[in-house]
Amino acid sequence: MSTLTKRATVYLDPALHKALRLQSVETSRSVSDLINDAVRGELAEDASDLALFDKRENEPVVDFETFVKGLKSDGLL
């Protein structure tokens, strides 16, 4: 364990904990490594989503009513 790691208490659903323990044995990785990788993946996905929001910031906004009317006029509804 690196001296740069931080200890935290996390309460897991018993079934998730069992799944993590089984995956840990199956992959020869620690539960901590599995959780760290899962959290990194979620944070990376969030960062990607935020980047896409920033990229689309200047796109025109269409309200729901106008959108539905457009679908109807195009024969899609």
Protein backbone atom coordinates (compact mmCIF):
# COMPACT_ATOMS: atom_id res chain seq x y z
CA MET A 1 0.00 0.00 0.00
CA SER A 2 1.29 3.40 -0.96
CA THR A 3 1.89 6.01 1.72
CA LEU A 4 -0.22 8.35 -0.41
CA THR A 5 -3.42 6.31 0.00
CA LYS A 6 -6.19 7.37 2.33
CA ARG A 7 -8.28 5.05 4.43
CA ALA A 8 -12.07 5.38 4.28
CA THR A 9 -15.01 3.51 5.69
CA VAL A 10 -17.52 2.53 3.03
CA TYR A 11 -20.74 0.68 3.76
CA LEU A 12 -21.64 -1.76 0.99
CA ASP A 13 -24.73 -3.76 0.32
CA PRO A 14 -23.91 -7.33 1.47
CA ALA A 15 -24.46 -8.74 -2.02
CA LEU A 16 -22.10 -6.16 -3.56
CA HIS A 17 -19.49 -6.92 -0.94
CA LYS A 18 -19.75 -10.63 -1.67
CA ALA A 19 -19.45 -9.96 -5.41
CA LEU A 20 -16.36 -7.82 -4.81
CA ARG A 21 -14.77 -10.48 -2.62
CA LEU A 22 -15.43 -13.15 -5.25
CA GLN A 23 -14.07 -10.94 -8.04
CA SER A 24 -11.06 -10.17 -5.86
CA VAL A 25 -10.26 -13.87 -5.52
CA GLU A 26 -10.98 -14.54 -9.19
CA THR A 27 -8.73 -11.73 -10.42
CA SER A 28 -6.06 -11.84 -7.68
CA ARG A 29 -6.69 -8.16 -6.99
CA SER A 30 -7.61 -6.53 -3.73
CA VAL A 31 -11.12 -5.27 -3.03
CA SER A 32 -9.55 -1.82 -2.61
CA ASP A 33 -8.05 -2.00 -6.12
CA LEU A 34 -11.41 -3.03 -7.58
CA ILE A 35 -13.22 -0.19 -5.81
CA ASN A 36 -10.54 2.36 -6.78
CA ASP A 37 -10.80 1.31 -10.44
CA ALA A 38 -14.61 1.53 -10.34
CA VAL A 39 -14.51 5.01 -8.78
CA ARG A 40 -11.88 6.17 -11.29
CA GLY A 41 -14.08 4.90 -14.12
CA GLU A 42 -17.13 6.76 -12.80
CA LEU A 43 -15.17 9.97 -12.31
CA ALA A 44 -13.70 9.71 -15.82
CA GLU A 45 -17.21 9.22 -17.24
CA ASP A 46 -18.42 12.28 -15.31
CA ALA A 47 -15.50 14.33 -16.64
CA SER A 48 -16.32 13.20 -20.17
CA ASP A 49 -19.99 14.14 -19.72
CA LEU A 50 -19.03 17.59 -18.39
CA ALA A 51 -16.71 18.13 -21.35
CA LEU A 52 -19.57 17.29 -23.73
CA PHE A 53 -21.87 19.72 -21.92
CA ASP A 54 -19.24 22.44 -22.30
CA LYS A 55 -18.83 21.62 -25.99
CA ARG A 56 -22.60 21.87 -26.59
CA GLU A 57 -23.08 24.97 -24.44
CA ASN A 58 -23.78 27.27 -27.40
CA GLU A 59 -26.20 24.96 -29.22
CA PRO A 60 -29.72 26.32 -29.61
CA VAL A 61 -32.24 25.14 -27.04
CA VAL A 62 -35.52 23.62 -28.23
CA ASP A 63 -38.36 23.38 -25.73
CA PHE A 64 -40.31 20.14 -25.43
CA GLU A 65 -43.52 21.45 -27.03
CA THR A 66 -41.68 22.71 -30.10
CA PHE A 67 -39.78 19.43 -30.38
CA VAL A 68 -42.97 17.35 -30.24
CA LYS A 69 -44.64 19.59 -32.82
CA GLY A 70 -41.61 19.05 -35.07
CA LEU A 71 -41.92 15.29 -34.67
CA LYS A 72 -45.60 15.46 -35.60
CA SER A 73 -44.96 17.66 -38.64
CA ASP A 74 -42.26 15.24 -39.79
CA GLY A 75 -44.73 12.34 -39.48
CA LEU A 76 -42.75 10.65 -36.72
CA LEU A 77 -45.63 10.82 -34.23
